[in-house]
Amino acid sequence: MDQARVGPRRSLLLGAEHQLRQPLNAVSLLIGELSQGISGRDRDAVIDDLRYALKLSNRWLDSLVELEKAGQGLVVPELADVHLDEVFPRLQEDFAENFEGLGLDFRVVQSKQVVRADPHLLRRILTILLDNAAKFTREGKVLMGCRCVGDMVRIEVWDSGLGMAADEWLRVFDPYFRLENEVRPRERGLGVGLTLARKLAALSGDQLEVASRLGSGSCFSLTLRAVDVSRPRVPVAQQHSGLPPNPLDGADILLLEGDEAALLSNHLELWGASVHLTAASRAALAQGVERQPLLVLADHEAFENCGGWELLANLRRLGEDVPPVILVSADAAAPPDAGVHILQRPVRPARLRALCLFALAPP
């Protein structure tokens, strides 16, 4: 989910303030107990709780840092052909002991599928999903496997936990949203794990979804682009079961040079677009638009300085097709122009992709 759901940018920390104080307050109380001179088993128990409170604080702070980096576009995926028969066995080995200790039957259906992904981000996302399944499954089993859906591979993590009501499906990806039916409160997280997982998936143009039934468990699914190892890799349209193809796949996008051009270009190309970087000048912009790109992306001020508004007006006056335009700005309001959209700074990959899809969608 976009951070807009929790208010201005600074609220990422403010939203976690109460939760972060809990383990720190516990540390203060535990130190107070130690100062009373307790000994023996009581002292050992207090020290154990003290260590756990510090570990929890560090874990929560790490989660906040990860989420902030992902939201600010500081995490850049390095896509590669990832063989699931290398990823799945390692995860099974890493989690087997933990699930066994919880009394849960953990099964992994091995697969020889190859997907296009960042191997480190893929492992991080699946780790979050498996951790989440452990928190909400009192008894029964957790199952991880995958299935092919057209030209896509959908990795699924199933659990026999308490499940969710339909109105909680989308909220579960909101920052700091925590269900009240966790069966292991001591392992309770900050409520940003699934938010982070969805953001990391979006960085590579992938989709993380959930389906659940109250009292019957949940299924989290990550849909990735498949790689056909029997032939040279070609761009694959991102298509999900029941959803239209990804409009960005193969889309010709004109990008005006600027401070953020490299970052914007990287994200767009990861999502399958064909990006043409153009000098920030009046002549270059006019020449670039003549090529009839599907979308124009530019800094708001640079677009103005290059005569962008006059160019759009002239095209309309001549009856020419006018491509949709996305302007990046820190404070500009959306102009009274039907085909122009504003992308607020700081640029967040999830918001960039959503706005591109909206601009390219047929009327």
Protein backbone atom coordinates (compact mmCIF):
# COMPACT_ATOMS: atom_id res chain seq x y z
CA MET A 1 0.00 0.00 0.00
CA ASP A 2 1.11 3.58 -0.59
CA GLN A 3 2.26 5.50 2.45
CA ALA A 4 -0.49 8.02 1.71
CA ARG A 5 -2.79 5.74 3.67
CA VAL A 6 -0.95 6.64 6.86
CA GLY A 7 -0.65 10.37 6.20
CA PRO A 8 2.42 12.48 5.43
CA ARG A 9 5.88 11.03 4.99
CA ARG A 10 6.99 11.55 8.60
CA SER A 11 4.12 9.39 9.87
CA LEU A 12 6.08 6.24 8.96
CA LEU A 13 8.00 6.74 12.18
CA LEU A 14 5.16 8.37 14.12
CA GLY A 15 2.89 5.47 13.29
CA ALA A 16 5.35 3.09 14.95
CA GLU A 17 6.12 5.29 17.96
CA HIS A 18 3.78 3.51 20.37
CA GLN A 19 4.88 0.03 19.34
CA LEU A 20 8.58 0.94 19.49
CA ARG A 21 8.20 2.24 23.04
CA GLN A 22 6.79 -1.07 24.28
CA PRO A 23 10.03 -3.10 24.24
CA LEU A 24 12.03 -0.06 25.38
CA ASN A 25 9.72 0.41 28.37
CA ALA A 26 10.07 -3.29 29.07
CA VAL A 27 13.86 -2.88 29.09
CA SER A 28 13.54 -0.08 31.64
CA LEU A 29 11.34 -2.18 33.93
CA LEU A 30 13.61 -5.21 33.62
CA ILE A 31 16.68 -3.17 34.49
CA GLY A 32 14.76 -1.96 37.54
CA GLU A 33 14.16 -5.56 38.58
CA LEU A 34 17.85 -6.41 38.20
CA SER A 35 18.78 -3.44 40.37
CA GLN A 36 16.80 -5.03 43.21
CA GLY A 37 19.50 -7.65 43.51
CA ILE A 38 17.48 -10.71 42.49
CA SER A 39 19.44 -13.90 41.93
CA GLY A 40 19.20 -17.46 40.74
CA ARG A 41 16.47 -18.53 38.31
CA ASP A 42 14.59 -15.24 38.68
CA ARG A 43 17.67 -13.31 37.57
CA ASP A 44 18.19 -15.64 34.59
CA ALA A 45 14.55 -15.18 33.53
CA VAL A 46 14.82 -11.39 33.71
CA ILE A 47 18.03 -11.43 31.65
CA ASP A 48 16.32 -13.64 29.06
CA ASP A 49 13.40 -11.20 28.82
CA LEU A 50 15.83 -8.31 28.58
CA ARG A 51 17.63 -9.91 25.67
CA TYR A 52 14.35 -10.62 23.92
CA ALA A 53 13.15 -7.00 24.34
CA LEU A 54 16.39 -5.69 22.81
CA LYS A 55 16.18 -8.23 19.98
CA LEU A 56 12.58 -7.18 19.29
CA SER A 57 13.56 -3.48 19.21
CA ASN A 58 16.33 -4.15 16.70
CA ARG A 59 14.07 -6.30 14.55
CA TRP A 60 11.37 -3.64 14.44
CA LEU A 61 13.87 -0.89 13.59
CA ASP A 62 15.31 -3.05 10.80
CA SER A 63 11.80 -3.47 9.39
CA LEU A 64 11.23 0.30 9.42
CA VAL A 65 14.54 0.93 7.64
CA GLU A 66 13.72 -1.68 4.98
CA LEU A 67 10.27 -0.18 4.42
CA GLU A 68 11.65 3.35 4.18
CA LYS A 69 14.31 2.33 1.65
CA ALA A 70 11.76 0.52 -0.49
CA GLY A 71 9.36 3.47 -0.36
CA GLN A 72 12.07 5.96 -1.32
CA GLY A 73 13.22 3.96 -4.33
CA LEU A 74 16.59 3.15 -2.73
CA VAL A 75 16.12 -0.57 -3.40
CA VAL A 76 16.81 -1.30 -7.07
CA PRO A 77 16.02 -4.88 -8.15
CA GLU A 78 18.67 -6.78 -10.09
CA LEU A 79 16.63 -9.17 -12.16
CA ALA A 80 17.94 -12.57 -13.14
CA ASP A 81 16.65 -15.98 -14.16
CA VAL A 82 15.93 -17.61 -10.80
CA HIS A 83 15.51 -21.39 -10.56
CA LEU A 84 12.92 -22.27 -7.94
CA ASP A 85 14.54 -25.66 -7.39
CA GLU A 86 17.38 -23.68 -5.79
CA VAL A 87 15.19 -21.30 -3.77
CA PHE A 88 12.57 -23.69 -2.37
CA PRO A 89 14.94 -26.29 -0.81
CA ARG A 90 16.89 -23.58 1.06
CA LEU A 91 13.72 -22.06 2.48
CA GLN A 92 12.49 -25.49 3.49
CA GLU A 93 15.77 -26.14 5.29
CA ASP A 94 15.73 -22.73 7.01
CA PHE A 95 12.16 -23.01 8.29
CA ALA A 96 11.83 -26.75 8.99
CA GLU A 97 13.14 -26.58 12.57
CA ASN A 98 11.02 -23.55 13.46
CA PHE A 99 7.78 -25.07 12.17
CA GLU A 100 8.58 -28.38 13.82
CA GLY A 101 9.06 -26.57 17.12
CA LEU A 102 5.64 -24.99 16.71
CA GLY A 103 4.05 -28.37 16.06
CA LEU A 104 3.12 -27.44 12.48
CA ASP A 105 3.40 -29.64 9.40
CA PHE A 106 5.52 -27.64 6.94
CA ARG A 107 5.56 -28.88 3.37
CA VAL A 108 7.19 -27.51 0.22
CA VAL A 109 6.17 -28.75 -3.21
CA GLN A 110 9.39 -28.53 -5.19
CA SER A 111 9.34 -26.98 -8.67
CA LYS A 112 11.66 -26.75 -11.66
CA GLN A 113 10.08 -23.50 -12.86
CA VAL A 114 12.35 -20.55 -13.69
CA VAL A 115 11.16 -17.01 -12.97
CA ARG A 116 12.44 -13.51 -13.70
CA ALA A 117 13.18 -11.94 -10.32
CA ASP A 118 15.75 -10.47 -7.98
CA PRO A 119 16.87 -13.56 -6.02
CA HIS A 120 17.48 -11.65 -2.79
CA LEU A 121 14.17 -9.79 -2.90
CA LEU A 122 12.32 -12.99 -3.80
CA ARG A 123 13.79 -14.77 -0.81
CA ARG A 124 12.94 -11.81 1.46
CA ILE A 125 9.32 -11.76 0.32
CA LEU A 126 8.86 -15.50 0.78
CA THR A 127 10.53 -15.32 4.20
CA ILE A 128 8.01 -12.68 5.28
CA LEU A 129 5.11 -14.83 4.05
CA LEU A 130 6.37 -17.92 5.88
CA ASP A 131 6.97 -15.94 9.09
CA ASN A 132 3.46 -14.56 8.81
CA ALA A 133 1.99 -18.04 8.37
CA ALA A 134 3.75 -19.19 11.57
CA LYS A 135 2.27 -16.31 13.58
CA PHE A 136 -1.32 -17.06 12.60
CA THR A 137 -1.40 -20.87 12.51
CA ARG A 138 -2.06 -22.56 15.84
CA GLU A 139 -2.22 -26.09 14.44
CA GLY A 140 -2.31 -27.91 11.14
CA LYS A 141 0.04 -27.16 8.29
CA VAL A 142 1.76 -24.57 6.13
CA LEU A 143 2.26 -25.37 2.45
CA MET A 144 4.39 -23.58 -0.15
CA GLY A 145 4.31 -24.39 -3.84
CA CYS A 146 3.66 -22.82 -7.21
CA ARG A 147 1.48 -23.15 -10.26
CA CYS A 148 1.62 -21.85 -13.83
CA VAL A 149 -0.93 -19.26 -14.94
CA GLY A 150 -0.42 -18.55 -18.63
CA ASP A 151 3.06 -17.05 -18.99
CA MET A 152 3.28 -16.41 -15.26
CA VAL A 153 4.28 -18.45 -12.22
CA ARG A 154 2.30 -17.96 -9.03
CA ILE A 155 4.08 -18.92 -5.81
CA GLU A 156 1.56 -19.64 -3.06
CA VAL A 157 1.90 -19.94 0.71
CA TRP A 158 -1.10 -21.65 2.32
CA ASP A 159 -1.82 -21.96 6.02
CA SER A 160 -4.56 -23.57 8.11
CA GLY A 161 -4.70 -20.64 10.50
CA LEU A 162 -7.57 -18.47 11.71
CA GLY A 163 -8.01 -16.63 8.41
CA MET A 164 -9.44 -13.16 7.82
CA ALA A 165 -12.76 -11.56 7.07
CA ALA A 166 -13.21 -10.18 3.54
CA ASP A 167 -12.93 -6.55 4.71
CA GLU A 168 -9.46 -7.27 6.14
CA TRP A 169 -7.93 -8.61 2.93
CA LEU A 170 -6.71 -5.24 1.63
CA ARG A 171 -6.04 -3.73 5.05
CA VAL A 172 -3.58 -6.49 5.87
CA PHE A 173 -1.06 -4.76 3.55
CA ASP A 174 -1.47 -1.39 5.31
CA PRO A 175 1.43 -0.20 7.52
CA TYR A 176 0.90 -1.06 11.21
CA PHE A 177 -2.33 -2.98 10.60
CA ARG A 178 -2.23 -6.00 12.89
CA LEU A 179 -4.91 -8.63 13.25
CA GLU A 180 -5.95 -9.41 16.79
CA ASN A 181 -6.01 -13.18 16.29
CA GLU A 182 -2.28 -13.91 16.38
CA VAL A 183 -1.79 -17.19 18.21
CA ARG A 184 1.76 -16.36 19.35
CA PRO A 185 1.73 -12.83 20.84
CA ARG A 186 5.38 -13.06 21.93
CA GLU A 187 6.38 -13.21 18.26
CA ARG A 188 4.16 -10.30 17.32
CA GLY A 189 5.61 -8.03 14.68
CA LEU A 190 5.40 -4.30 14.09
CA GLY A 191 2.75 -4.69 11.41
CA VAL A 192 4.90 -3.67 8.43
CA GLY A 193 6.10 -7.05 7.15
CA LEU A 194 3.35 -7.56 4.58
CA THR A 195 3.53 -3.87 3.61
CA LEU A 196 7.23 -4.35 2.89
CA ALA A 197 6.60 -7.60 0.99
CA ARG A 198 4.08 -5.92 -1.33
CA LYS A 199 6.40 -2.94 -1.92
CA LEU A 200 9.32 -5.23 -2.76
CA ALA A 201 7.11 -7.16 -5.18
CA ALA A 202 5.96 -3.93 -6.85
CA LEU A 203 9.56 -2.83 -7.43
CA SER A 204 9.90 -5.63 -9.98
CA GLY A 205 6.40 -5.14 -11.38
CA ASP A 206 5.11 -8.24 -9.60
CA GLN A 207 1.89 -8.69 -7.67
CA LEU A 208 1.33 -9.95 -4.13
CA GLU A 209 -2.25 -10.89 -3.28
CA VAL A 210 -4.18 -12.62 -0.52
CA ALA A 211 -7.27 -14.78 -0.36
CA SER A 212 -8.66 -15.91 2.96
CA ARG A 213 -11.72 -17.21 4.76
CA LEU A 214 -12.37 -16.52 8.41
CA GLY A 215 -11.70 -19.70 10.35
CA SER A 216 -10.29 -21.59 7.36
CA GLY A 217 -6.82 -20.15 6.77
CA SER A 218 -5.22 -17.89 4.16
CA CYS A 219 -3.28 -18.06 0.92
CA PHE A 220 -0.74 -15.40 -0.06
CA SER A 221 0.31 -15.54 -3.70
CA LEU A 222 3.22 -13.87 -5.49
CA THR A 223 2.89 -13.75 -9.28
CA LEU A 224 6.13 -13.60 -11.28
CA ARG A 225 7.09 -13.66 -14.93
CA ALA A 226 8.06 -17.12 -16.15
CA VAL A 227 11.23 -17.79 -18.13
CA ASP A 228 11.13 -20.29 -20.95
CA VAL A 229 14.57 -21.90 -20.71
CA SER A 230 14.07 -23.73 -24.01
CA ARG A 231 14.44 -20.53 -26.07
CA PRO A 232 16.05 -17.09 -25.80
CA ARG A 233 14.24 -14.91 -23.30
CA VAL A 234 11.92 -12.28 -24.75
CA PRO A 235 9.81 -9.68 -22.92
CA VAL A 236 6.84 -11.39 -21.34
CA ALA A 237 3.53 -9.59 -20.94
CA GLN A 238 2.60 -9.47 -17.29
CA GLN A 239 -0.77 -11.17 -17.07
CA HIS A 240 -2.57 -12.47 -14.01
CA SER A 241 -5.52 -14.79 -13.80
CA GLY A 242 -8.64 -12.79 -14.62
CA LEU A 243 -6.70 -9.55 -15.27
CA PRO A 244 -5.78 -7.81 -18.55
CA PRO A 245 -2.17 -7.77 -19.81
CA ASN A 246 0.26 -5.25 -18.39
CA PRO A 247 0.03 -2.04 -20.54
CA LEU A 248 3.65 -1.21 -19.72
CA ASP A 249 5.03 -4.29 -21.45
CA GLY A 250 6.69 -3.01 -24.63
CA ALA A 251 5.23 0.50 -24.15
CA ASP A 252 7.23 3.26 -25.87
CA ILE A 253 7.85 5.94 -23.21
CA LEU A 254 9.52 9.29 -23.82
CA LEU A 255 11.53 10.36 -20.73
CA LEU A 256 12.96 13.86 -20.44
CA GLU A 257 16.49 14.08 -19.00
CA GLY A 258 16.74 15.19 -15.36
CA ASP A 259 18.07 14.36 -11.89
CA GLU A 260 15.73 11.37 -11.45
CA ALA A 261 15.80 10.14 -15.04
CA ALA A 262 18.10 7.18 -14.36
CA LEU A 263 15.97 5.91 -11.47
CA LEU A 264 12.70 6.39 -13.40
CA SER A 265 14.14 4.67 -16.46
CA ASN A 266 15.31 1.71 -14.39
CA HIS A 267 11.87 1.14 -12.87
CA LEU A 268 10.08 1.48 -16.22
CA GLU A 269 12.41 -0.96 -17.97
CA LEU A 270 12.00 -3.47 -15.14
CA TRP A 271 8.26 -3.34 -15.78
CA GLY A 272 8.77 -4.08 -19.49
CA ALA A 273 8.64 -0.57 -21.00
CA SER A 274 10.87 0.67 -23.83
CA VAL A 275 12.31 4.00 -22.58
CA HIS A 276 13.70 6.71 -24.87
CA LEU A 277 15.73 9.29 -22.94
CA THR A 278 15.50 12.74 -24.55
CA ALA A 279 17.43 15.95 -23.89
CA ALA A 280 15.54 18.61 -21.94
CA SER A 281 15.22 21.07 -24.81
CA ARG A 282 12.36 22.43 -26.87
CA ALA A 283 13.57 20.86 -30.11
CA ALA A 284 14.32 17.46 -28.56
CA LEU A 285 10.92 17.31 -26.86
CA ALA A 286 9.10 18.20 -30.08
CA GLN A 287 11.09 15.63 -32.04
CA GLY A 288 10.47 12.99 -29.39
CA VAL A 289 6.72 13.59 -29.39
CA GLU A 290 6.69 13.32 -33.20
CA ARG A 291 7.69 9.67 -32.75
CA GLN A 292 4.26 9.20 -31.15
CA PRO A 293 5.27 7.60 -27.82
CA LEU A 294 2.53 6.02 -25.72
CA LEU A 295 3.50 8.15 -22.72
CA VAL A 296 5.64 11.20 -21.88
CA LEU A 297 7.34 11.41 -18.46
CA ALA A 298 9.18 14.55 -17.37
CA ASP A 299 10.06 16.88 -14.53
CA HIS A 300 7.30 19.51 -14.22
CA GLU A 301 9.65 22.50 -14.42
CA ALA A 302 11.71 21.03 -17.26
CA PHE A 303 8.54 20.31 -19.25
CA GLU A 304 7.44 23.93 -18.84
CA ASN A 305 10.86 25.31 -19.79
CA CYS A 306 10.88 23.15 -22.92
CA GLY A 307 7.58 24.61 -24.12
CA GLY A 308 5.64 21.48 -23.30
CA TRP A 309 2.30 23.21 -22.78
CA GLU A 310 2.53 25.04 -26.11
CA LEU A 311 3.48 21.79 -27.83
CA LEU A 312 0.40 20.01 -26.48
CA ALA A 313 -1.83 22.93 -27.46
CA ASN A 314 -0.45 22.95 -31.02
CA LEU A 315 -0.98 19.21 -31.42
CA ARG A 316 -4.60 19.52 -30.34
CA ARG A 317 -5.16 22.49 -32.65
CA LEU A 318 -3.85 20.42 -35.57
CA GLY A 319 -6.01 17.44 -34.60
CA GLU A 320 -2.98 15.27 -33.86
CA ASP A 321 -2.93 12.51 -31.27
CA VAL A 322 -1.65 13.76 -27.91
CA PRO A 323 0.09 11.21 -25.68
CA PRO A 324 -0.70 11.20 -21.95
CA VAL A 325 1.86 13.10 -19.87
CA ILE A 326 3.10 12.44 -16.32
CA LEU A 327 4.91 15.33 -14.64
CA VAL A 328 7.05 14.82 -11.53
CA SER A 329 6.69 17.64 -9.04
CA ALA A 330 7.13 18.34 -5.34
CA ASP A 331 4.21 20.72 -4.99
CA ALA A 332 2.45 21.35 -8.31
CA ALA A 333 -1.26 20.70 -8.43
CA ALA A 334 -2.76 18.79 -11.32
CA PRO A 335 -3.17 21.24 -14.25
CA PRO A 336 -6.54 21.63 -15.96
CA ASP A 337 -5.44 19.34 -18.79
CA ALA A 338 -7.25 16.07 -19.42
CA GLY A 339 -4.15 14.17 -20.45
CA VAL A 340 -1.68 15.39 -17.82
CA HIS A 341 -1.07 13.70 -14.46
CA ILE A 342 1.06 14.77 -11.50
CA LEU A 343 3.44 12.38 -9.73
CA GLN A 344 4.35 13.83 -6.35
CA ARG A 345 7.89 13.77 -5.02
CA PRO A 346 9.46 11.82 -3.45
CA VAL A 347 8.82 9.33 -6.25
CA ARG A 348 7.63 5.97 -4.95
CA PRO A 349 7.84 3.03 -7.37
CA ALA A 350 4.39 1.70 -6.50
CA ARG A 351 2.81 5.12 -7.14
CA LEU A 352 4.80 5.58 -10.38
CA ARG A 353 3.63 2.23 -11.73
CA ALA A 354 0.01 2.81 -10.69
CA LEU A 355 -0.05 6.23 -12.39
CA CYS A 356 1.52 4.83 -15.58
CA LEU A 357 -1.08 2.06 -15.73
CA PHE A 358 -3.84 4.61 -15.14
CA ALA A 359 -2.52 6.92 -17.89
CA LEU A 360 -2.20 4.06 -20.39
CA ALA A 361 -5.57 2.49 -19.62
CA PRO A 362 -8.08 2.84 -22.46
CA PRO A 363 -10.82 5.42 -21.81
